[in-house]
Amino acid sequence: MGQIRHASATTTQAMRAAIQRSQASLAGLSEEFGINPKTVAKWRKRQTAED
């Protein structure tokens, strides 16, 4: 069963955790997940992957 997101969410908790663990560039991750580089940067700065 997949994770339920609210209508305007662009990431799941699993995606956010992967972003935080990854050493890849912002551009590479944004392309991989199909999200804005600003979103990747935001989740990199946060301490947890909780929404």
Protein backbone atom coordinates (compact mmCIF):
# COMPACT_ATOMS: atom_id res chain seq x y z
CA MET A 1 0.00 0.00 0.00
CA GLY A 2 1.35 3.45 -0.96
CA GLN A 3 1.65 6.44 1.27
CA ILE A 4 -1.25 8.90 1.15
CA ARG A 5 -0.24 12.50 0.40
CA HIS A 6 -2.24 15.69 0.56
CA ALA A 7 -3.23 17.21 -2.78
CA SER A 8 -0.34 19.67 -3.11
CA ALA A 9 2.46 17.44 -1.76
CA THR A 10 5.29 16.77 -4.21
CA THR A 11 7.25 14.28 -2.10
CA THR A 12 6.64 11.26 0.09
CA GLN A 13 8.42 10.56 3.35
CA ALA A 14 10.52 7.92 1.58
CA MET A 15 11.58 10.43 -1.09
CA ARG A 16 12.48 13.02 1.55
CA ALA A 17 14.58 10.48 3.45
CA ALA A 18 16.37 9.50 0.23
CA ILE A 19 17.09 13.17 -0.50
CA GLN A 20 18.56 13.64 2.97
CA ARG A 21 20.79 10.53 2.65
CA SER A 22 21.99 11.22 -0.88
CA GLN A 23 25.28 12.90 -1.77
CA ALA A 24 24.07 13.67 -5.32
CA SER A 25 23.72 17.25 -6.57
CA LEU A 26 20.52 19.26 -6.18
CA ALA A 27 20.03 19.23 -9.96
CA GLY A 28 20.58 15.48 -10.17
CA LEU A 29 18.11 14.71 -7.41
CA SER A 30 15.50 17.12 -8.73
CA GLU A 31 15.71 15.46 -12.14
CA GLU A 32 15.60 11.97 -10.64
CA PHE A 33 12.49 12.68 -8.56
CA GLY A 34 10.86 15.13 -10.97
CA ILE A 35 10.72 17.97 -8.45
CA ASN A 36 12.05 21.51 -8.20
CA PRO A 37 15.67 21.95 -7.02
CA LYS A 38 14.36 24.36 -4.33
CA THR A 39 12.31 21.49 -2.90
CA VAL A 40 15.42 19.30 -2.77
CA ALA A 41 17.36 22.08 -1.02
CA LYS A 42 14.55 22.56 1.51
CA TRP A 43 14.50 18.89 2.48
CA ARG A 44 18.30 18.72 2.66
CA LYS A 45 18.28 21.46 5.31
CA ARG A 46 15.67 19.81 7.53
CA GLN A 47 16.62 17.47 10.36
CA THR A 48 13.80 14.94 9.76
CA ALA A 49 11.80 13.66 6.81
CA GLU A 50 8.51 14.28 8.62
CA ASP A 51 6.06 16.55 6.82
